[in-house]
Amino acid sequence: MRSQRPAWLDKKIDFRALHGTEHRLRDLGLHTVCHQARCPNISECFSRGTATFLILGDTCTRHCPFCAVKHGSPLPPDPGEPARAAEAVRRMDIRHAVITSVTRDDLPDGGAGAFAAVIAELRKPDGPATIEVLVPDFRGDENSIRTVAVAGPDIFGHNMETVPSLYGARGNCDYRRSLDVLGCAKRHSPAMKTKSAIMVGLGETEDEVFAVMGDLRSVKCDYLSIGQYLRPGKGNLPVREYVAPEQFERYKDTALELGFLHVESGAYVRSSYMADRYR
C-alpha cells in the first residue's frame, strides 16, 4: 500500500487554458462539474473545447464524503437552463456533449424531466453528434429512469463509485439500487449504451473491484471507467492507497475479458474524461 503521493500523479492545471471556456459558460449562467468537483483534468479538457455541463444548479441535496460538490438546499430548477446548455454546446462546437447534474432529492422526479429537456434541445439541428448523460440514482424511481432513457441519449451513465463494503462513502446511496438504475435504463432502451465508473484507492480489494465489474456486466453495462480517488479537500475522505499503473492495466484487461465494449483505466481517469472515445 502506497500512502505517499507517487511520482506518476504529477498533472498540473494550466489556468490559462481555462479562460475561453470559463467566459462562455459565465455568459450563459452555466456550471460545470469540472469546476465543482475540482477535477485534475480541467485544463486538458477545457483546452480541447470540452466540458461536462452541470444542470439543476450547483448545490447537491446529498453529502458524500468523497465529493467536493457543494451541498445544501438548492434553488428551484431554472426553466431556461436546457436551452442555455444547448447553446453552450453549439458555441463551443462540441460534438460529444456530456450532461450531468447534482442530486436533487427535493424534486418529485429527481430532475429527470430536466435531463429530458436538455436532450430535446440538443437534438435540434446543429446539435452534437452524440449525447451522454450521467445521472443520479433518482432514488430508484423507474418512471424517472425511463424518462431519461427514452429521451434518446446515446450513452446513459450512472456511477457505482465504489465497492459495496465502502458504500458508507456514498451518503444516502444504495449499491443494489445503483445497479438497478443501469439495468432499468437498458430495459427501456436496449439499443442505448450504458456506462459506469468506480474510484479505487479508498481501501477496496482487487477481488471486490472484480466483483463490481461482474455485477455491472450482469445488468448489461457496456462501458467502464476506473480512476484513482484523489482527496479534493481536507474535509473529504483520505486516500488509503495510490494504485500503481500496472494495477490499472490489470483492471482494464479483466474488464475487457468480462465483455465491456470500452474501458478507460488509469490514475487520472474520470467518468467523463475523454468521453468521446466511448463509441
Protein backbone atom coordinates (compact mmCIF):
# COMPACT_ATOMS: atom_id res chain seq x y z
CA MET A 1 0.00 0.00 0.00
CA ARG A 2 1.38 3.42 -1.01
CA SER A 3 0.49 6.19 1.45
CA GLN A 4 2.68 8.91 -0.11
CA ARG A 5 1.62 10.57 -3.36
CA PRO A 6 3.73 8.87 -6.08
CA ALA A 7 5.62 10.48 -8.94
CA TRP A 8 3.11 9.43 -11.59
CA LEU A 9 0.47 11.70 -10.04
CA ASP A 10 2.03 14.94 -11.23
CA LYS A 11 -0.59 16.51 -13.51
CA LYS A 12 -0.64 20.29 -13.32
CA ILE A 13 -3.58 22.57 -14.10
CA ASP A 14 -2.89 25.16 -16.81
CA PHE A 15 -5.12 28.01 -15.70
CA ARG A 16 -4.50 29.95 -18.93
CA ALA A 17 -6.30 27.20 -20.86
CA LEU A 18 -9.45 27.74 -18.81
CA HIS A 19 -10.24 31.33 -19.68
CA GLY A 20 -12.05 30.92 -23.02
CA THR A 21 -14.36 28.16 -21.81
CA GLU A 22 -14.96 29.88 -18.47
CA HIS A 23 -16.00 33.05 -20.29
CA ARG A 24 -18.54 31.24 -22.48
CA LEU A 25 -20.06 29.43 -19.50
CA ARG A 26 -20.24 32.55 -17.37
CA ASP A 27 -22.05 34.44 -20.15
CA LEU A 28 -24.72 31.72 -20.22
CA GLY A 29 -25.01 31.32 -16.45
CA LEU A 30 -23.94 27.66 -16.55
CA HIS A 31 -21.93 25.41 -14.25
CA THR A 32 -19.58 22.51 -14.99
CA VAL A 33 -18.86 19.52 -12.80
CA CYS A 34 -15.24 20.10 -13.82
CA HIS A 35 -15.09 23.13 -11.53
CA GLN A 36 -17.41 21.82 -8.83
CA ALA A 37 -15.56 18.52 -8.38
CA ARG A 38 -12.10 20.13 -8.71
CA CYS A 39 -11.22 17.71 -11.48
CA PRO A 40 -7.47 17.44 -12.20
CA ASN A 41 -8.23 17.14 -15.94
CA ILE A 42 -9.97 20.51 -16.17
CA SER A 43 -7.35 22.42 -18.15
CA GLU A 44 -6.75 19.48 -20.52
CA CYS A 45 -10.45 19.18 -21.32
CA PHE A 46 -11.12 22.92 -21.48
CA SER A 47 -8.18 23.42 -23.86
CA ARG A 48 -9.83 20.86 -26.17
CA GLY A 49 -13.11 22.82 -26.00
CA THR A 50 -14.91 20.14 -23.99
CA ALA A 51 -16.71 20.26 -20.67
CA THR A 52 -19.26 18.26 -18.69
CA PHE A 53 -22.24 20.51 -18.09
CA LEU A 54 -23.85 20.51 -14.67
CA ILE A 55 -27.60 21.15 -14.76
CA LEU A 56 -30.12 21.76 -11.98
CA GLY A 57 -27.85 24.22 -10.20
CA ASP A 58 -24.63 23.72 -8.29
CA THR A 59 -25.96 22.53 -4.90
CA CYS A 60 -26.46 18.84 -4.13
CA THR A 61 -29.03 17.53 -1.65
CA ARG A 62 -26.67 14.74 -0.56
CA HIS A 63 -23.31 14.95 1.15
CA CYS A 64 -20.95 12.20 0.02
CA PRO A 65 -17.68 12.46 1.98
CA PHE A 66 -15.52 11.84 -1.11
CA CYS A 67 -17.14 14.62 -3.14
CA ALA A 68 -16.28 18.34 -3.39
CA VAL A 69 -19.59 19.47 -4.90
CA LYS A 70 -21.42 21.98 -2.71
CA HIS A 71 -24.30 20.52 -0.69
CA GLY A 72 -27.32 22.08 0.97
CA SER A 73 -30.75 23.34 -0.08
CA PRO A 74 -30.74 24.08 -3.83
CA LEU A 75 -32.73 26.70 -5.69
CA PRO A 76 -35.74 25.70 -7.81
CA PRO A 77 -34.88 24.49 -11.33
CA ASP A 78 -34.32 27.19 -13.94
CA PRO A 79 -36.68 26.56 -16.90
CA GLY A 80 -34.29 28.36 -19.24
CA GLU A 81 -31.31 26.18 -18.38
CA PRO A 82 -31.85 23.43 -21.01
CA ALA A 83 -31.82 25.94 -23.88
CA ARG A 84 -28.73 27.68 -22.49
CA ALA A 85 -26.89 24.38 -22.08
CA ALA A 86 -27.63 23.52 -25.71
CA GLU A 87 -26.46 26.98 -26.78
CA ALA A 88 -23.18 26.47 -24.92
CA VAL A 89 -22.63 23.16 -26.71
CA ARG A 90 -23.18 24.89 -30.05
CA ARG A 91 -20.94 27.86 -29.25
CA MET A 92 -18.13 25.55 -28.18
CA ASP A 93 -18.67 23.30 -31.23
CA ILE A 94 -18.87 20.23 -29.02
CA ARG A 95 -19.60 17.04 -30.95
CA HIS A 96 -19.93 14.76 -27.92
CA ALA A 97 -21.96 16.50 -25.22
CA VAL A 98 -21.92 15.26 -21.62
CA ILE A 99 -24.70 16.38 -19.28
CA THR A 100 -24.75 15.62 -15.57
CA SER A 101 -26.43 17.08 -12.50
CA VAL A 102 -26.28 17.41 -8.78
CA THR A 103 -28.58 15.03 -6.93
CA ARG A 104 -31.99 16.66 -6.44
CA ASP A 105 -33.89 14.56 -3.90
CA ASP A 106 -36.10 17.63 -3.33
CA LEU A 107 -37.73 17.24 -6.76
CA PRO A 108 -40.55 14.72 -7.33
CA ASP A 109 -38.81 13.26 -10.40
CA GLY A 110 -35.27 13.80 -9.10
CA GLY A 111 -34.62 16.10 -12.06
CA ALA A 112 -35.34 13.54 -14.78
CA GLY A 113 -37.53 16.00 -16.67
CA ALA A 114 -34.67 18.49 -16.84
CA PHE A 115 -32.40 15.85 -18.39
CA ALA A 116 -35.07 15.04 -20.97
CA ALA A 117 -35.49 18.75 -21.76
CA VAL A 118 -31.75 19.21 -22.34
CA ILE A 119 -31.63 16.13 -24.59
CA ALA A 120 -34.56 17.53 -26.61
CA GLU A 121 -32.72 20.83 -27.06
CA LEU A 122 -29.53 19.08 -28.08
CA ARG A 123 -31.38 17.00 -30.68
CA LYS A 124 -32.34 20.13 -32.61
CA PRO A 125 -30.43 20.92 -35.85
CA ASP A 126 -26.74 21.76 -35.37
CA GLY A 127 -26.69 19.78 -32.13
CA PRO A 128 -23.86 17.43 -31.14
CA ALA A 129 -23.26 14.14 -32.92
CA THR A 130 -23.62 12.18 -29.66
CA ILE A 131 -25.19 12.88 -26.29
CA GLU A 132 -24.11 11.34 -22.99
CA VAL A 133 -25.89 11.77 -19.67
CA LEU A 134 -24.51 10.98 -16.22
CA VAL A 135 -27.46 10.76 -13.87
CA PRO A 136 -28.02 10.39 -10.12
CA ASP A 137 -29.96 7.39 -8.84
CA PHE A 138 -33.36 9.17 -8.82
CA ARG A 139 -33.99 7.28 -5.56
CA GLY A 140 -34.54 4.22 -7.74
CA ASP A 141 -37.76 5.57 -9.28
CA GLU A 142 -38.40 3.65 -12.50
CA ASN A 143 -40.52 6.39 -14.08
CA SER A 144 -37.68 8.89 -13.69
CA ILE A 145 -35.11 6.47 -15.11
CA ARG A 146 -37.41 5.72 -18.03
CA THR A 147 -37.98 9.44 -18.70
CA VAL A 148 -34.27 9.95 -19.33
CA ALA A 149 -33.66 6.67 -21.16
CA VAL A 150 -36.46 7.12 -23.70
CA ALA A 151 -35.48 10.76 -24.29
CA GLY A 152 -32.77 9.33 -26.51
CA PRO A 153 -29.25 9.83 -25.15
CA ASP A 154 -26.60 7.79 -26.92
CA ILE A 155 -24.95 6.90 -23.60
CA PHE A 156 -26.71 6.62 -20.24
CA GLY A 157 -24.26 6.77 -17.35
CA HIS A 158 -24.62 6.20 -13.64
CA ASN A 159 -21.57 5.75 -11.44
CA MET A 160 -21.24 2.94 -8.92
CA GLU A 161 -18.29 4.91 -7.43
CA THR A 162 -17.00 2.18 -5.10
CA VAL A 163 -17.40 -1.39 -3.83
CA PRO A 164 -20.32 -2.49 -1.60
CA SER A 165 -18.25 -2.68 1.59
CA LEU A 166 -17.39 1.02 1.25
CA TYR A 167 -20.84 2.31 0.37
CA GLY A 168 -20.90 4.35 3.56
CA ALA A 169 -18.85 6.82 1.50
CA ARG A 170 -21.89 7.41 -0.72
CA GLY A 171 -24.21 9.04 1.78
CA ASN A 172 -27.82 8.04 1.14
CA CYS A 173 -26.95 5.74 -1.76
CA ASP A 174 -27.51 2.01 -2.13
CA TYR A 175 -25.36 -0.40 -4.16
CA ARG A 176 -28.20 -2.57 -5.45
CA ARG A 177 -30.29 0.49 -6.31
CA SER A 178 -27.45 1.90 -8.41
CA LEU A 179 -27.12 -1.36 -10.31
CA ASP A 180 -30.86 -1.34 -10.88
CA VAL A 181 -30.67 2.17 -12.37
CA LEU A 182 -28.39 0.87 -15.12
CA GLY A 183 -30.43 -2.29 -15.63
CA CYS A 184 -33.69 -0.35 -15.80
CA ALA A 185 -32.30 2.12 -18.35
CA LYS A 186 -31.16 -0.74 -20.58
CA ARG A 187 -34.55 -2.44 -20.38
CA HIS A 188 -36.35 0.70 -21.51
CA SER A 189 -33.85 1.50 -24.28
CA PRO A 190 -32.00 -1.69 -25.26
CA ALA A 191 -30.00 -0.10 -28.10
CA MET A 192 -28.64 2.64 -25.86
CA LYS A 193 -25.18 2.16 -24.39
CA THR A 194 -24.84 2.26 -20.59
CA LYS A 195 -21.78 3.32 -18.66
CA SER A 196 -20.46 3.38 -15.10
CA ALA A 197 -17.36 4.37 -13.16
CA ILE A 198 -15.59 3.39 -9.98
CA MET A 199 -12.87 5.01 -7.89
CA VAL A 200 -10.04 2.98 -6.39
CA GLY A 201 -7.76 3.85 -3.52
CA LEU A 202 -10.44 4.04 -0.83
CA GLY A 203 -9.49 0.73 0.78
CA GLU A 204 -11.14 -1.75 -1.58
CA THR A 205 -9.55 -5.08 -2.53
CA GLU A 206 -8.82 -6.30 -6.04
CA ASP A 207 -11.42 -9.06 -5.73
CA GLU A 208 -14.04 -6.51 -4.68
CA VAL A 209 -13.34 -4.46 -7.80
CA PHE A 210 -13.62 -7.56 -9.96
CA ALA A 211 -16.95 -8.36 -8.29
CA VAL A 212 -18.32 -4.91 -9.14
CA MET A 213 -17.29 -5.46 -12.75
CA GLY A 214 -19.21 -8.73 -12.78
CA ASP A 215 -22.29 -7.10 -11.27
CA LEU A 216 -22.18 -4.36 -13.91
CA ARG A 217 -21.99 -6.90 -16.71
CA SER A 218 -24.95 -8.75 -15.17
CA VAL A 219 -27.08 -5.66 -15.92
CA LYS A 220 -25.51 -5.39 -19.41
CA CYS A 221 -23.41 -2.31 -18.71
CA ASP A 222 -21.35 -1.54 -21.82
CA TYR A 223 -18.66 0.93 -20.75
CA LEU A 224 -16.49 1.32 -17.65
CA SER A 225 -14.15 3.99 -16.26
CA ILE A 226 -11.72 3.27 -13.40
CA GLY A 227 -9.72 6.04 -11.77
CA GLN A 228 -7.71 6.91 -8.67
CA TYR A 229 -9.58 8.60 -5.84
CA LEU A 230 -7.85 11.89 -5.07
CA ARG A 231 -8.87 13.80 -1.97
CA PRO A 232 -10.40 17.09 -3.16
CA GLY A 233 -10.14 18.84 0.22
CA LYS A 234 -9.29 18.39 3.88
CA GLY A 235 -12.92 17.73 4.74
CA ASN A 236 -13.11 14.73 2.41
CA LEU A 237 -12.12 11.09 2.89
CA PRO A 238 -8.38 10.43 2.90
CA VAL A 239 -6.70 8.36 0.22
CA ARG A 240 -5.98 4.87 1.54
CA GLU A 241 -3.82 3.73 -1.37
CA TYR A 242 -2.25 5.10 -4.54
CA VAL A 243 -2.88 2.39 -7.09
CA ALA A 244 0.04 1.55 -9.37
CA PRO A 245 -0.25 1.92 -13.18
CA GLU A 246 0.18 -1.82 -13.69
CA GLN A 247 -2.82 -2.48 -11.44
CA PHE A 248 -4.95 -0.17 -13.59
CA GLU A 249 -3.87 -2.20 -16.62
CA ARG A 250 -4.85 -5.41 -14.84
CA TYR A 251 -8.29 -3.95 -14.08
CA LYS A 252 -8.69 -2.91 -17.71
CA ASP A 253 -7.68 -6.32 -19.06
CA THR A 254 -10.10 -8.10 -16.73
CA ALA A 255 -12.96 -5.75 -17.59
CA LEU A 256 -12.46 -6.30 -21.31
CA GLU A 257 -12.36 -10.06 -20.75
CA LEU A 258 -15.71 -9.77 -18.98
CA GLY A 259 -17.22 -8.18 -22.08
CA PHE A 260 -17.17 -4.40 -21.61
CA LEU A 261 -17.03 -2.75 -25.02
CA HIS A 262 -14.68 0.03 -23.92
CA VAL A 263 -12.69 0.61 -20.73
CA GLU A 264 -10.63 3.58 -19.58
CA SER A 265 -8.46 2.75 -16.57
CA GLY A 266 -5.77 4.96 -15.09
CA ALA A 267 -4.91 7.30 -12.26
CA TYR A 268 -6.50 10.39 -13.83
CA VAL A 269 -9.43 8.68 -15.49
CA ARG A 270 -12.82 10.10 -14.54
CA SER A 271 -16.25 9.08 -15.80
CA SER A 272 -16.37 11.92 -18.34
CA TYR A 273 -12.66 12.07 -19.21
CA MET A 274 -12.09 11.53 -22.93
CA ALA A 275 -15.78 10.71 -23.14
CA ASP A 276 -15.76 10.83 -26.93
CA ARG A 277 -13.62 7.67 -27.01
CA TYR A 278 -16.57 5.59 -25.82
CA ARG A 279 -18.18 4.76 -29.15
